[in-house]
Amino acid sequence: MRLTREATKGAVLTEAELFERVRLDRDAGCTFAFANGCFDVLHVGHLRYLAGSAAEADRLIVAVNDDASVTVLKGSGRPVQSAVDRAELTAALRMVDYVVVFKDLTVERLLIAIKPEVHCKGTDYTVETVPERDVVRAYGGRTVIVGDSKDHSSRDLITRIRTRGDS
């Protein structure tokens, strides 16, 4: 039985739970798009990236960086919100089916384990500059660039909030 997107959406899962859901959904004929990021302070750029990602397949998996990896990637003082909160907020978006928190600095391990048909990245990349492009190609997937131009960032939003808070 193939579950509708409405029946699956919004689940924050452990990796083991995600792998089982993917197996079941794939057995039912579903395809998967995979997106990832820190999602520290959600903004319209995130929404457009995830909407574009969801349009690529039957199910959208979003991998959210854990707190330690966000600090390494974004610097001191980040993340602003915990991984648990960021995962829950991301899962609440209507286009998202499954969310998993991951501890690695890249998503290569998850891509190899899940083998989504489509790996989606935002417009701050080109297909040629996506770090995991060769991994995705090796298992037969494709890499796509989705979302709007990179005119939005959590860093800029945090700065605006802090600046206005000082007034």
Protein backbone atom coordinates (compact mmCIF):
# COMPACT_ATOMS: atom_id res chain seq x y z
CA MET A 1 0.00 0.00 0.00
CA ARG A 2 1.41 3.37 -1.01
CA LEU A 3 0.91 6.06 1.62
CA THR A 4 0.04 9.55 0.46
CA ARG A 5 2.39 12.44 1.20
CA GLU A 6 -0.19 13.70 3.74
CA ALA A 7 0.02 10.40 5.64
CA THR A 8 3.82 10.51 5.93
CA LYS A 9 4.71 14.15 6.26
CA GLY A 10 6.40 15.73 9.17
CA ALA A 11 8.12 12.81 10.87
CA VAL A 12 11.37 13.40 12.76
CA LEU A 13 13.09 10.03 12.71
CA THR A 14 16.23 8.34 13.91
CA GLU A 15 18.49 7.06 11.15
CA ALA A 16 17.28 3.49 11.74
CA GLU A 17 13.64 4.59 11.53
CA LEU A 18 14.37 6.58 8.37
CA PHE A 19 16.08 3.64 6.68
CA GLU A 20 13.04 1.45 7.42
CA ARG A 21 10.58 4.08 6.11
CA VAL A 22 12.64 4.47 2.95
CA ARG A 23 12.64 0.70 2.43
CA LEU A 24 8.87 0.50 2.88
CA ASP A 25 8.15 3.51 0.68
CA ARG A 26 10.55 2.36 -2.01
CA ASP A 27 8.88 -1.08 -2.00
CA ALA A 28 5.61 0.80 -2.60
CA GLY A 29 7.13 2.57 -5.62
CA CYS A 30 8.02 5.95 -4.11
CA THR A 31 10.95 8.05 -5.22
CA PHE A 32 13.05 10.23 -2.91
CA ALA A 33 14.51 13.71 -2.98
CA PHE A 34 17.11 14.56 -0.35
CA ALA A 35 17.93 18.03 0.96
CA ASN A 36 20.15 19.05 3.83
CA GLY A 37 21.28 22.02 5.85
CA CYS A 38 21.53 23.70 9.22
CA PHE A 39 18.13 25.45 9.10
CA ASP A 40 19.19 27.49 12.13
CA VAL A 41 16.77 30.36 11.63
CA LEU A 42 14.15 29.47 9.03
CA HIS A 43 13.60 32.05 6.30
CA VAL A 44 11.92 32.26 2.90
CA GLY A 45 15.03 30.97 1.13
CA HIS A 46 14.76 27.73 3.11
CA LEU A 47 11.09 27.40 2.16
CA ARG A 48 11.82 27.90 -1.54
CA TYR A 49 14.73 25.42 -1.41
CA LEU A 50 12.58 22.77 0.27
CA ALA A 51 9.59 23.38 -2.02
CA GLY A 52 11.84 22.97 -5.06
CA SER A 53 13.32 19.82 -3.53
CA ALA A 54 9.89 18.31 -2.78
CA ALA A 55 8.84 18.81 -6.41
CA GLU A 56 11.62 16.44 -7.53
CA ALA A 57 10.19 13.19 -6.07
CA ASP A 58 7.35 11.52 -4.18
CA ARG A 59 9.00 11.97 -0.77
CA LEU A 60 11.32 14.64 0.63
CA ILE A 61 13.93 13.70 3.22
CA VAL A 62 15.62 16.60 4.99
CA ALA A 63 18.85 16.00 6.89
CA VAL A 64 19.47 18.63 9.58
CA ASN A 65 22.99 19.17 10.91
CA ASP A 66 23.44 18.46 14.61
CA ASP A 67 24.59 21.24 16.95
CA ALA A 68 28.30 20.34 16.91
CA SER A 69 28.50 20.27 13.11
CA VAL A 70 26.67 23.62 12.85
CA THR A 71 29.26 25.18 15.17
CA VAL A 72 32.07 23.82 12.98
CA LEU A 73 30.39 24.96 9.77
CA LYS A 74 28.99 28.34 10.90
CA GLY A 75 31.24 29.38 13.77
CA SER A 76 30.99 30.33 17.41
CA GLY A 77 27.54 31.28 18.66
CA ARG A 78 25.78 28.97 16.24
CA PRO A 79 23.42 27.30 16.19
CA VAL A 80 20.91 29.68 17.70
CA GLN A 81 18.38 26.86 18.11
CA SER A 82 18.98 23.27 19.14
CA ALA A 83 18.97 20.46 16.59
CA VAL A 84 15.81 19.05 18.17
CA ASP A 85 13.99 22.37 17.68
CA ARG A 86 15.37 22.88 14.15
CA ALA A 87 14.29 19.37 13.17
CA GLU A 88 10.79 19.85 14.56
CA LEU A 89 10.35 23.20 12.81
CA THR A 90 11.57 21.75 9.52
CA ALA A 91 9.30 18.70 9.85
CA ALA A 92 6.29 21.00 10.34
CA LEU A 93 6.67 22.38 6.81
CA ARG A 94 4.03 20.88 4.54
CA MET A 95 6.47 19.85 1.81
CA VAL A 96 8.69 17.81 4.17
CA ASP A 97 8.06 14.10 4.71
CA TYR A 98 10.97 12.92 6.85
CA VAL A 99 13.61 14.72 8.89
CA VAL A 100 16.73 13.19 10.38
CA VAL A 101 19.43 14.90 12.44
CA PHE A 102 22.95 13.93 11.38
CA LYS A 103 26.33 14.48 13.00
CA ASP A 104 28.67 14.41 10.01
CA LEU A 105 30.05 17.49 8.26
CA THR A 106 28.80 16.15 4.91
CA VAL A 107 25.85 13.97 3.96
CA GLU A 108 27.86 11.41 1.98
CA ARG A 109 27.22 8.60 4.49
CA LEU A 110 23.46 9.18 4.42
CA LEU A 111 23.37 9.45 0.64
CA ILE A 112 25.17 6.13 0.30
CA ALA A 113 22.82 4.46 2.80
CA ILE A 114 19.56 5.89 1.38
CA LYS A 115 20.45 6.34 -2.30
CA PRO A 116 17.81 8.99 -3.02
CA GLU A 117 17.01 9.41 -6.68
CA VAL A 118 17.65 13.15 -6.39
CA HIS A 119 20.09 15.08 -4.22
CA CYS A 120 18.98 18.72 -4.04
CA LYS A 121 21.21 21.68 -3.27
CA GLY A 122 20.51 25.41 -3.15
CA THR A 123 21.52 28.04 -5.66
CA ASP A 124 24.72 28.86 -3.83
CA TYR A 125 26.02 25.76 -5.65
CA THR A 126 26.24 24.62 -9.24
CA VAL A 127 25.91 20.93 -10.06
CA GLU A 128 29.68 20.88 -10.61
CA THR A 129 30.45 22.36 -7.15
CA VAL A 130 28.21 20.08 -5.05
CA PRO A 131 30.67 18.17 -2.82
CA GLU A 132 28.66 14.94 -2.91
CA ARG A 133 28.03 14.97 -6.67
CA ASP A 134 30.36 12.04 -7.43
CA VAL A 135 28.82 9.94 -4.64
CA VAL A 136 25.33 10.53 -6.04
CA ARG A 137 26.45 9.81 -9.59
CA ALA A 138 28.17 6.58 -8.47
CA TYR A 139 24.92 5.03 -7.23
CA GLY A 140 22.91 6.29 -10.23
CA GLY A 141 21.22 9.33 -8.70
CA ARG A 142 21.13 12.86 -9.99
CA THR A 143 22.03 16.19 -8.44
CA VAL A 144 19.82 19.24 -9.00
CA ILE A 145 19.96 22.88 -7.99
CA VAL A 146 16.67 24.24 -6.65
CA GLY A 147 15.30 27.31 -4.89
CA ASP A 148 15.70 31.00 -5.49
CA SER A 149 18.86 33.04 -5.76
CA LYS A 150 20.90 33.10 -2.56
CA ASP A 151 19.57 36.45 -1.33
CA HIS A 152 18.67 35.08 2.10
CA SER A 153 20.79 33.81 4.96
CA SER A 154 20.30 32.97 8.60
CA ARG A 155 23.49 34.92 9.37
CA ASP A 156 22.05 38.12 7.85
CA LEU A 157 18.71 37.60 9.57
CA ILE A 158 20.41 37.07 12.96
CA THR A 159 22.45 40.23 12.42
CA ARG A 160 19.30 42.25 11.60
CA ILE A 161 17.53 40.94 14.70
CA ARG A 162 20.51 41.75 16.92
CA THR A 163 20.94 45.22 15.42
CA ARG A 164 17.29 46.10 15.88
CA GLY A 165 17.36 44.70 19.41
CA ASP A 166 20.12 47.16 20.33
CA SER A 167 18.08 50.20 19.26
